[in-house]
């Protein structure tokens, strides 16, 4: 058995054609490094407690944020020494430089660039769960999963999509200073538009605030359509990233 398992998941059929090259990039990276690769569909949610599944039935993002933790825990139970999660819209565009850190666990780096509503760009440096890595024997995965599950049980009102994902992770990171894989980034729509244009203030701010040059990035599929980025534009962006990086 290889030491590392890489897990991805999405419902079928894929809602955007550009997700396929993202999935292919992660699968190819795993293959090149001799890692096991596992893709799962809606059965990802089977490991979530039934009472919670009913409670968060209409909030797929929240359910996925918990289900991925359960899936990663199961990977360690299955005997792997290291488990990795990448979202389906995560693109590894410089696979030779996308190297897992030698730490017990690592989160992804989010440098989110957006307008403040008054015409000025702002950057928010946080962490994200579109990329996650855990080694056997780490203490964070079980703590994070237990905390997320407990918060969901306790919650009696509405919850934002990022409730137990980036919001909870960033709160924990701000206190505990978790290890971060700085090259596992996340791109906001303004940054993606500037990449398509070849230049722009959002892209420059992203580069300035990113601790290291990204070699992989989440492409924010939950926002692209709403923000007016077409499938064709996303396909062009992916080809540009694979050819030139950021």
Protein backbone atom coordinates (compact mmCIF):
# COMPACT_ATOMS: atom_id res chain seq x y z
CA UNK A 1 0.00 0.00 0.00
CA UNK A 2 1.36 3.48 -0.88
CA UNK A 3 1.94 5.73 2.12
CA UNK A 4 -0.33 8.54 0.85
CA UNK A 5 -3.97 8.66 -0.20
CA UNK A 6 -5.41 11.61 -2.16
CA UNK A 7 -9.19 12.06 -1.97
CA UNK A 8 -11.53 14.12 -4.14
CA UNK A 9 -15.29 14.24 -4.46
CA UNK A 10 -18.08 15.81 -6.51
CA UNK A 11 -21.59 15.02 -7.59
CA UNK A 12 -22.12 13.61 -11.07
CA UNK A 13 -22.44 14.82 -13.72
CA UNK A 14 -19.98 17.66 -13.24
CA UNK A 15 -21.81 21.02 -13.48
CA UNK A 16 -18.94 22.76 -15.32
CA UNK A 17 -16.79 21.31 -18.08
CA UNK A 18 -13.68 23.05 -16.70
CA UNK A 19 -13.78 20.93 -13.54
CA UNK A 20 -12.49 17.92 -15.47
CA UNK A 21 -8.99 19.36 -16.13
CA UNK A 22 -8.84 20.33 -12.46
CA UNK A 23 -9.61 16.76 -11.41
CA UNK A 24 -7.17 15.43 -14.02
CA UNK A 25 -4.41 17.67 -12.65
CA UNK A 26 -4.77 16.29 -9.13
CA UNK A 27 -5.08 12.71 -10.35
CA UNK A 28 -1.99 13.12 -12.51
CA UNK A 29 -0.02 14.66 -9.66
CA UNK A 30 -1.00 11.77 -7.39
CA UNK A 31 -0.01 9.22 -10.03
CA UNK A 32 3.36 10.90 -10.64
CA UNK A 33 4.12 10.71 -6.92
CA UNK A 34 2.90 7.10 -6.59
CA UNK A 35 0.07 8.13 -4.27
CA UNK A 36 -3.21 6.24 -4.14
CA UNK A 37 -6.12 8.26 -5.54
CA UNK A 38 -9.77 7.95 -4.51
CA UNK A 39 -12.69 9.77 -6.10
CA UNK A 40 -16.08 9.51 -4.41
CA UNK A 41 -19.51 10.85 -5.30
CA UNK A 42 -22.47 11.49 -3.02
CA UNK A 43 -21.47 8.48 -0.93
CA UNK A 44 -19.02 10.91 0.69
CA UNK A 45 -21.89 11.98 2.96
CA UNK A 46 -22.60 8.44 4.20
CA UNK A 47 -20.09 8.85 7.01
CA UNK A 48 -21.89 11.89 8.44
CA UNK A 49 -24.18 11.20 11.41
CA UNK A 50 -27.75 10.69 10.17
CA UNK A 51 -29.24 13.33 12.47
CA UNK A 52 -26.74 15.87 11.17
CA UNK A 53 -27.38 14.89 7.57
CA UNK A 54 -31.05 15.74 8.08
CA UNK A 55 -30.16 19.03 9.76
CA UNK A 56 -27.79 20.23 7.02
CA UNK A 57 -29.54 18.55 4.09
CA UNK A 58 -30.03 21.85 2.23
CA UNK A 59 -26.52 23.13 2.94
CA UNK A 60 -24.31 20.98 0.75
CA UNK A 61 -21.16 23.03 1.35
CA UNK A 62 -21.46 22.66 5.12
CA UNK A 63 -22.14 18.94 4.74
CA UNK A 64 -19.14 18.53 2.47
CA UNK A 65 -16.89 20.35 4.92
CA UNK A 66 -17.72 17.79 7.59
CA UNK A 67 -17.85 14.77 5.26
CA UNK A 68 -14.32 15.40 3.96
CA UNK A 69 -12.99 15.25 7.52
CA UNK A 70 -14.73 11.92 8.08
CA UNK A 71 -13.32 10.63 4.80
CA UNK A 72 -9.80 11.70 5.76
CA UNK A 73 -10.14 10.05 9.16
CA UNK A 74 -11.24 6.85 7.43
CA UNK A 75 -8.19 6.99 5.17
CA UNK A 76 -5.94 6.94 8.21
CA UNK A 77 -7.97 4.09 9.73
CA UNK A 78 -7.53 2.21 6.43
CA UNK A 79 -3.78 2.20 7.03
CA UNK A 80 -2.43 5.17 5.06
CA UNK A 81 0.30 7.16 6.77
CA UNK A 82 -0.79 10.42 5.12
CA UNK A 83 -4.08 11.62 3.64
CA UNK A 84 -4.70 14.60 1.37
CA UNK A 85 -7.91 16.32 0.34
CA UNK A 86 -8.25 18.52 -2.75
CA UNK A 87 -11.54 20.08 -3.81
CA UNK A 88 -12.80 19.19 -7.28
CA UNK A 89 -12.09 22.76 -8.43
CA UNK A 90 -8.49 22.67 -7.17
CA UNK A 91 -5.97 22.89 -10.01
CA UNK A 92 -2.36 21.78 -9.59
CA UNK A 93 -0.65 23.78 -12.34
CA UNK A 94 2.99 23.31 -11.31
CA UNK A 95 2.97 19.68 -10.16
CA UNK A 96 6.75 19.37 -9.92
CA UNK A 97 6.71 22.17 -7.31
CA UNK A 98 3.57 21.12 -5.48
CA UNK A 99 5.44 19.29 -2.73
CA UNK A 100 3.75 18.15 0.47
CA UNK A 101 5.41 19.64 3.55
CA UNK A 102 7.10 17.45 6.14
CA UNK A 103 4.73 18.40 8.95
CA UNK A 104 1.99 16.53 10.85
CA UNK A 105 -0.77 18.45 9.09
CA UNK A 106 -1.24 21.44 6.82
CA UNK A 107 -4.04 23.73 5.65
CA UNK A 108 -4.34 25.71 2.43
CA UNK A 109 -3.45 29.40 2.17
CA UNK A 110 -6.20 31.87 1.27
CA UNK A 111 -5.32 35.37 0.10
CA UNK A 112 -8.74 36.71 -0.81
CA UNK A 113 -8.78 39.90 -2.87
CA UNK A 114 -12.02 41.80 -3.36
CA UNK A 115 -13.40 45.32 -3.66
CA UNK A 116 -14.46 47.01 -0.45
CA UNK A 117 -17.52 48.44 -2.23
CA UNK A 118 -15.96 51.87 -2.50
CA UNK A 119 -13.65 51.10 -5.39
CA UNK A 120 -10.66 50.04 -3.32
CA UNK A 121 -9.21 46.53 -3.34
CA UNK A 122 -8.67 44.77 -0.04
CA UNK A 123 -6.83 41.54 0.74
CA UNK A 124 -7.70 39.15 3.53
CA UNK A 125 -5.05 36.59 4.45
CA UNK A 126 -6.65 33.46 5.92
CA UNK A 127 -6.56 29.67 5.56
CA UNK A 128 -8.86 27.35 3.62
CA UNK A 129 -9.93 23.70 3.49
CA UNK A 130 -9.90 23.19 -0.29
CA UNK A 131 -6.55 21.56 0.40
CA UNK A 132 -5.93 19.59 3.58
CA UNK A 133 -3.16 17.20 4.59
CA UNK A 134 -2.88 15.02 7.69
CA UNK A 135 -0.32 12.43 8.80
CA UNK A 136 -1.11 9.49 11.02
CA UNK A 137 -0.64 10.46 14.66
CA UNK A 138 -1.53 14.12 14.21
CA UNK A 139 -3.85 15.55 16.85
CA UNK A 140 -5.54 18.27 14.82
CA UNK A 141 -7.81 16.27 12.49
CA UNK A 142 -9.79 14.59 15.26
CA UNK A 143 -10.02 17.85 17.20
CA UNK A 144 -11.18 19.78 14.14
CA UNK A 145 -13.75 17.14 13.14
CA UNK A 146 -15.10 16.89 16.70
CA UNK A 147 -15.33 20.68 17.03
CA UNK A 148 -17.10 21.03 13.67
CA UNK A 149 -19.58 18.27 14.51
CA UNK A 150 -20.27 19.72 17.95
CA UNK A 151 -20.91 23.20 16.53
CA UNK A 152 -23.35 21.78 14.01
CA UNK A 153 -25.25 19.91 16.74
CA UNK A 154 -25.38 23.05 18.91
CA UNK A 155 -26.39 25.45 16.15
CA UNK A 156 -30.09 26.31 16.17
CA UNK A 157 -30.21 29.02 13.52
CA UNK A 158 -28.98 29.64 10.03
CA UNK A 159 -25.31 29.16 9.24
CA UNK A 160 -23.08 30.58 6.51
CA UNK A 161 -21.66 28.14 3.94
CA UNK A 162 -18.16 28.53 5.39
CA UNK A 163 -19.33 27.95 8.99
CA UNK A 164 -17.15 24.88 9.74
CA UNK A 165 -14.82 25.36 6.78
CA UNK A 166 -12.63 28.45 6.32
CA UNK A 167 -14.37 30.44 9.08
CA UNK A 168 -13.73 27.84 11.79
CA UNK A 169 -10.29 26.95 10.42
CA UNK A 170 -9.20 30.59 10.30
CA UNK A 171 -10.42 31.13 13.88
CA UNK A 172 -8.44 28.10 15.05
CA UNK A 173 -5.41 29.15 13.00
CA UNK A 174 -5.44 32.65 14.47
CA UNK A 175 -5.11 31.09 17.93
CA UNK A 176 -2.91 28.05 17.25
CA UNK A 177 -0.87 29.14 14.18
CA UNK A 178 -1.44 25.91 12.26
CA UNK A 179 1.05 24.74 9.62
CA UNK A 180 0.10 26.06 6.17
CA UNK A 181 1.03 24.81 2.73
CA UNK A 182 1.68 28.25 1.28
CA UNK A 183 1.71 27.01 -2.32
CA UNK A 184 -1.88 25.67 -2.05
CA UNK A 185 -3.75 28.87 -2.83
CA UNK A 186 -7.26 30.12 -3.56
CA UNK A 187 -8.14 32.59 -6.31
CA UNK A 188 -10.93 35.14 -6.02
CA UNK A 189 -12.85 36.28 -9.15
CA UNK A 190 -11.01 39.64 -9.42
CA UNK A 191 -7.67 37.82 -9.39
CA UNK A 192 -8.89 35.35 -12.02
CA UNK A 193 -10.07 38.20 -14.25
CA UNK A 194 -6.66 39.87 -13.99
CA UNK A 195 -4.94 36.59 -14.83
CA UNK A 196 -7.09 36.37 -17.96
CA UNK A 197 -6.19 39.96 -18.83
CA UNK A 198 -2.51 39.37 -18.14
CA UNK A 199 -2.23 42.09 -15.50
CA UNK A 200 -4.20 44.11 -12.99
CA UNK A 201 -4.27 45.55 -9.50
CA UNK A 202 -6.03 42.55 -7.94
CA UNK A 203 -3.41 40.16 -9.30
CA UNK A 204 -0.56 42.38 -8.08
CA UNK A 205 -2.10 42.62 -4.61
CA UNK A 206 -2.55 38.84 -4.54
CA UNK A 207 1.10 38.30 -5.49
CA UNK A 208 2.28 40.85 -2.93
CA UNK A 209 0.33 39.26 -0.06
CA UNK A 210 1.03 35.61 -0.95
CA UNK A 211 3.92 34.28 1.17
CA UNK A 212 5.06 31.99 -1.68
CA UNK A 213 4.22 31.71 -5.36
CA UNK A 214 1.30 29.27 -5.66
CA UNK A 215 1.75 26.01 -7.53
CA UNK A 216 -1.88 24.94 -7.08
CA UNK A 217 -5.08 26.84 -6.40
CA UNK A 218 -8.78 26.48 -5.76
CA UNK A 219 -10.75 28.18 -8.55
CA UNK A 220 -13.87 29.06 -6.54
CA UNK A 221 -16.49 27.22 -8.60
CA UNK A 222 -19.22 28.34 -6.18
CA UNK A 223 -18.65 31.95 -7.32
CA UNK A 224 -17.53 31.85 -10.95
CA UNK A 225 -20.97 31.69 -12.58
CA UNK A 226 -22.44 34.27 -10.21
CA UNK A 227 -19.50 36.57 -10.91
CA UNK A 228 -19.95 36.23 -14.67
CA UNK A 229 -16.94 34.04 -15.49
CA UNK A 230 -17.98 31.74 -18.33
CA UNK A 231 -16.96 28.12 -18.89
CA UNK A 232 -14.89 29.27 -21.86
CA UNK A 233 -13.06 31.86 -19.78
CA UNK A 234 -12.39 29.32 -17.04
CA UNK A 235 -11.03 26.90 -19.64
CA UNK A 236 -8.71 29.64 -20.94
CA UNK A 237 -7.61 30.48 -17.39
CA UNK A 238 -6.75 26.85 -16.68
CA UNK A 239 -4.68 26.57 -19.86
CA UNK A 240 -2.84 29.77 -18.92
CA UNK A 241 -2.13 28.54 -15.40
CA UNK A 242 -0.88 25.17 -16.65
CA UNK A 243 1.43 26.92 -19.10
CA UNK A 244 2.66 29.86 -17.07
CA UNK A 245 1.56 29.59 -13.43
CA UNK A 246 0.88 32.79 -11.52
